Amino acid sequence: MDTKPWRERVRLEEELLEQLQLQVSQAAKRRAAALVEGVAELGSVYKVAQDLGKSWTAVDNAIKKNGPAPAGPHTTA
């Protein structure tokens, strides 16, 4: 049985974790974009949450945390 040294196994698992974290982040952004589309279609975060069987705060937080940056003028005062 040819086992890799523990340092090599740790390095490989760290690489895998980085890849998975990137995938989770990308999925959260796509999900938030879909939720924003739902809000545009249904008219409110509450209605989207109701349609999905989730709490409105869960939907609202997902959009705030991972959604697109708010539109509008950027000021640097």
N, C-alpha and C. Protein backbone atom coordinates (compact mmCIF):
# COMPACT_ATOMS: atom_id res chain seq x y z
N MET A 1 0.85 -1.18 0.00
CA MET A 1 0.00 0.00 0.00
C MET A 1 0.89 1.23 0.00
N ASP A 2 0.67 2.08 -0.99
CA ASP A 2 1.50 3.28 -1.16
C ASP A 2 0.74 4.51 -0.67
N THR A 3 1.01 4.89 0.57
CA THR A 3 0.33 6.07 1.13
C THR A 3 1.23 7.28 0.98
N LYS A 4 0.59 8.39 0.66
CA LYS A 4 1.34 9.64 0.53
C LYS A 4 1.68 10.14 1.92
N PRO A 5 2.80 10.85 2.01
CA PRO A 5 3.16 11.44 3.30
C PRO A 5 2.08 12.42 3.76
N TRP A 6 1.97 12.58 5.06
CA TRP A 6 0.90 13.42 5.61
C TRP A 6 0.96 14.85 5.10
N ARG A 7 2.15 15.39 4.90
CA ARG A 7 2.26 16.77 4.40
C ARG A 7 1.64 16.92 3.01
N GLU A 8 1.89 15.93 2.18
CA GLU A 8 1.33 15.92 0.82
C GLU A 8 -0.20 15.80 0.88
N ARG A 9 -0.70 14.94 1.76
CA ARG A 9 -2.16 14.78 1.89
C ARG A 9 -2.80 16.08 2.38
N VAL A 10 -2.16 16.75 3.33
CA VAL A 10 -2.69 18.03 3.83
C VAL A 10 -2.71 19.05 2.70
N ARG A 11 -1.61 19.14 1.94
CA ARG A 11 -1.55 20.09 0.83
C ARG A 11 -2.65 19.82 -0.20
N LEU A 12 -2.86 18.57 -0.54
CA LEU A 12 -3.91 18.22 -1.51
C LEU A 12 -5.30 18.57 -0.99
N GLU A 13 -5.54 18.31 0.29
CA GLU A 13 -6.85 18.63 0.86
C GLU A 13 -7.06 20.14 0.95
N GLU A 14 -6.01 20.89 1.21
CA GLU A 14 -6.13 22.35 1.24
C GLU A 14 -6.47 22.89 -0.15
N GLU A 15 -5.85 22.32 -1.17
CA GLU A 15 -6.17 22.72 -2.55
C GLU A 15 -7.63 22.42 -2.86
N LEU A 16 -8.09 21.25 -2.45
CA LEU A 16 -9.49 20.87 -2.69
C LEU A 16 -10.43 21.82 -1.96
N LEU A 17 -10.11 22.16 -0.72
CA LEU A 17 -10.95 23.10 0.03
C LEU A 17 -11.02 24.46 -0.65
N GLU A 18 -9.91 24.94 -1.17
CA GLU A 18 -9.91 26.22 -1.89
C GLU A 18 -10.82 26.16 -3.11
N GLN A 19 -10.74 25.06 -3.86
CA GLN A 19 -11.59 24.90 -5.04
C GLN A 19 -13.06 24.86 -4.65
N LEU A 20 -13.36 24.14 -3.60
CA LEU A 20 -14.75 24.03 -3.16
C LEU A 20 -15.28 25.37 -2.64
N GLN A 21 -14.46 26.11 -1.92
CA GLN A 21 -14.88 27.42 -1.43
C GLN A 21 -15.17 28.37 -2.58
N LEU A 22 -14.36 28.30 -3.64
CA LEU A 22 -14.60 29.12 -4.81
C LEU A 22 -15.92 28.73 -5.47
N GLN A 23 -16.19 27.44 -5.58
CA GLN A 23 -17.44 26.98 -6.18
C GLN A 23 -18.64 27.40 -5.35
N VAL A 24 -18.53 27.34 -4.03
CA VAL A 24 -19.62 27.76 -3.16
C VAL A 24 -19.88 29.25 -3.34
N SER A 25 -18.83 30.04 -3.40
CA SER A 25 -18.97 31.48 -3.59
C SER A 25 -19.65 31.81 -4.92
N GLN A 26 -19.22 31.14 -5.97
CA GLN A 26 -19.83 31.37 -7.28
C GLN A 26 -21.30 30.95 -7.30
N ALA A 27 -21.62 29.83 -6.67
CA ALA A 27 -23.00 29.36 -6.61
C ALA A 27 -23.87 30.34 -5.83
N ALA A 28 -23.33 30.90 -4.75
CA ALA A 28 -24.09 31.87 -3.94
C ALA A 28 -24.39 33.13 -4.75
N LYS A 29 -23.45 33.56 -5.57
CA LYS A 29 -23.67 34.74 -6.42
C LYS A 29 -24.74 34.46 -7.48
N ARG A 30 -24.67 33.27 -8.09
CA ARG A 30 -25.69 32.92 -9.09
C ARG A 30 -27.07 32.80 -8.45
N ARG A 31 -27.11 32.21 -7.26
CA ARG A 31 -28.38 32.08 -6.54
C ARG A 31 -28.95 33.45 -6.20
N ALA A 32 -28.11 34.36 -5.74
CA ALA A 32 -28.56 35.71 -5.41
C ALA A 32 -29.10 36.42 -6.66
N ALA A 33 -28.43 36.23 -7.79
CA ALA A 33 -28.91 36.83 -9.03
C ALA A 33 -30.28 36.28 -9.40
N ALA A 34 -30.48 34.98 -9.21
CA ALA A 34 -31.79 34.37 -9.49
C ALA A 34 -32.84 34.92 -8.53
N LEU A 35 -32.48 35.10 -7.26
CA LEU A 35 -33.42 35.67 -6.30
C LEU A 35 -33.80 37.10 -6.68
N VAL A 36 -32.84 37.87 -7.15
CA VAL A 36 -33.12 39.24 -7.60
C VAL A 36 -34.10 39.21 -8.78
N GLU A 37 -33.92 38.26 -9.69
CA GLU A 37 -34.87 38.11 -10.81
C GLU A 37 -36.26 37.77 -10.27
N GLY A 38 -36.31 36.92 -9.27
CA GLY A 38 -37.59 36.57 -8.66
C GLY A 38 -38.27 37.77 -8.04
N VAL A 39 -37.50 38.62 -7.38
CA VAL A 39 -38.06 39.84 -6.79
C VAL A 39 -38.61 40.74 -7.89
N ALA A 40 -37.87 40.85 -9.00
CA ALA A 40 -38.35 41.67 -10.11
C ALA A 40 -39.65 41.10 -10.69
N GLU A 41 -39.75 39.79 -10.75
CA GLU A 41 -40.94 39.15 -11.32
C GLU A 41 -42.13 39.20 -10.37
N LEU A 42 -41.90 38.89 -9.10
CA LEU A 42 -43.00 38.78 -8.15
C LEU A 42 -43.29 40.07 -7.39
N GLY A 43 -42.32 40.97 -7.36
CA GLY A 43 -42.56 42.28 -6.77
C GLY A 43 -42.03 42.51 -5.37
N SER A 44 -41.63 41.45 -4.67
CA SER A 44 -41.09 41.66 -3.32
C SER A 44 -40.29 40.46 -2.85
N VAL A 45 -39.40 40.71 -1.91
CA VAL A 45 -38.63 39.65 -1.29
C VAL A 45 -39.57 38.69 -0.57
N TYR A 46 -40.58 39.24 0.07
CA TYR A 46 -41.54 38.41 0.81
C TYR A 46 -42.21 37.40 -0.12
N LYS A 47 -42.64 37.85 -1.30
CA LYS A 47 -43.33 36.95 -2.22
C LYS A 47 -42.40 35.87 -2.75
N VAL A 48 -41.14 36.22 -2.99
CA VAL A 48 -40.15 35.22 -3.42
C VAL A 48 -39.95 34.17 -2.32
N ALA A 49 -39.78 34.65 -1.10
CA ALA A 49 -39.58 33.75 0.03
C ALA A 49 -40.78 32.83 0.20
N GLN A 50 -41.96 33.39 0.09
CA GLN A 50 -43.18 32.60 0.24
C GLN A 50 -43.25 31.53 -0.85
N ASP A 51 -42.92 31.90 -2.07
CA ASP A 51 -42.95 30.98 -3.19
C ASP A 51 -41.96 29.83 -3.00
N LEU A 52 -40.81 30.13 -2.39
CA LEU A 52 -39.78 29.12 -2.19
C LEU A 52 -39.91 28.37 -0.86
N GLY A 53 -40.82 28.81 -0.01
CA GLY A 53 -40.97 28.18 1.29
C GLY A 53 -39.83 28.51 2.24
N LYS A 54 -39.27 29.71 2.10
CA LYS A 54 -38.17 30.16 2.95
C LYS A 54 -38.62 31.40 3.71
N SER A 55 -37.84 31.79 4.71
CA SER A 55 -38.16 33.03 5.42
C SER A 55 -37.71 34.21 4.58
N TRP A 56 -38.41 35.34 4.73
CA TRP A 56 -38.04 36.51 3.93
C TRP A 56 -36.66 37.01 4.34
N THR A 57 -36.28 36.81 5.61
CA THR A 57 -34.96 37.27 6.03
C THR A 57 -33.85 36.44 5.38
N ALA A 58 -34.09 35.15 5.18
CA ALA A 58 -33.09 34.31 4.51
C ALA A 58 -32.87 34.78 3.07
N VAL A 59 -33.96 35.06 2.38
CA VAL A 59 -33.87 35.53 1.00
C VAL A 59 -33.22 36.91 0.96
N ASP A 60 -33.65 37.80 1.84
CA ASP A 60 -33.10 39.15 1.88
C ASP A 60 -31.60 39.13 2.18
N ASN A 61 -31.20 38.32 3.16
CA ASN A 61 -29.78 38.24 3.51
C ASN A 61 -28.95 37.65 2.38
N ALA A 62 -29.48 36.66 1.67
CA ALA A 62 -28.75 36.07 0.54
C ALA A 62 -28.52 37.10 -0.54
N ILE A 63 -29.52 37.92 -0.80
CA ILE A 63 -29.39 38.96 -1.82
C ILE A 63 -28.38 40.02 -1.36
N LYS A 64 -28.51 40.45 -0.11
CA LYS A 64 -27.60 41.49 0.40
C LYS A 64 -26.15 41.02 0.42
N LYS A 65 -25.95 39.77 0.83
CA LYS A 65 -24.59 39.25 0.98
C LYS A 65 -23.93 38.92 -0.35
N ASN A 66 -24.69 38.40 -1.29
CA ASN A 66 -24.09 37.87 -2.52
C ASN A 66 -24.61 38.49 -3.81
N GLY A 67 -25.58 39.40 -3.68
CA GLY A 67 -26.19 39.97 -4.86
C GLY A 67 -25.31 41.02 -5.53
N PRO A 68 -25.79 41.53 -6.63
CA PRO A 68 -25.04 42.56 -7.35
C PRO A 68 -24.93 43.82 -6.51
N ALA A 69 -23.90 44.59 -6.79
CA ALA A 69 -23.71 45.85 -6.07
C ALA A 69 -24.87 46.77 -6.39
N PRO A 70 -25.32 47.56 -5.42
CA PRO A 70 -26.44 48.47 -5.66
C PRO A 70 -26.11 49.47 -6.76
N ALA A 71 -27.10 49.69 -7.60
CA ALA A 71 -26.92 50.65 -8.70
C ALA A 71 -27.03 52.07 -8.16
N GLY A 72 -26.43 52.96 -8.83
CA GLY A 72 -26.52 54.36 -8.42
C GLY A 72 -25.17 55.02 -8.46
N PRO A 73 -25.16 56.32 -8.23
CA PRO A 73 -23.88 57.04 -8.31
C PRO A 73 -22.96 56.65 -7.15
N HIS A 74 -21.71 56.58 -7.45
CA HIS A 74 -20.69 56.30 -6.44
C HIS A 74 -20.03 57.62 -6.05
N THR A 75 -20.05 57.89 -4.78
CA THR A 75 -19.45 59.15 -4.34
C THR A 75 -18.22 58.85 -3.52
N THR A 76 -17.24 59.67 -3.67
CA THR A 76 -16.03 59.55 -2.86
C THR A 76 -15.77 60.88 -2.19
N ALA A 77 -16.52 61.13 -1.14
CA ALA A 77 -16.43 62.41 -0.46
C ALA A 77 -15.24 62.47 0.46
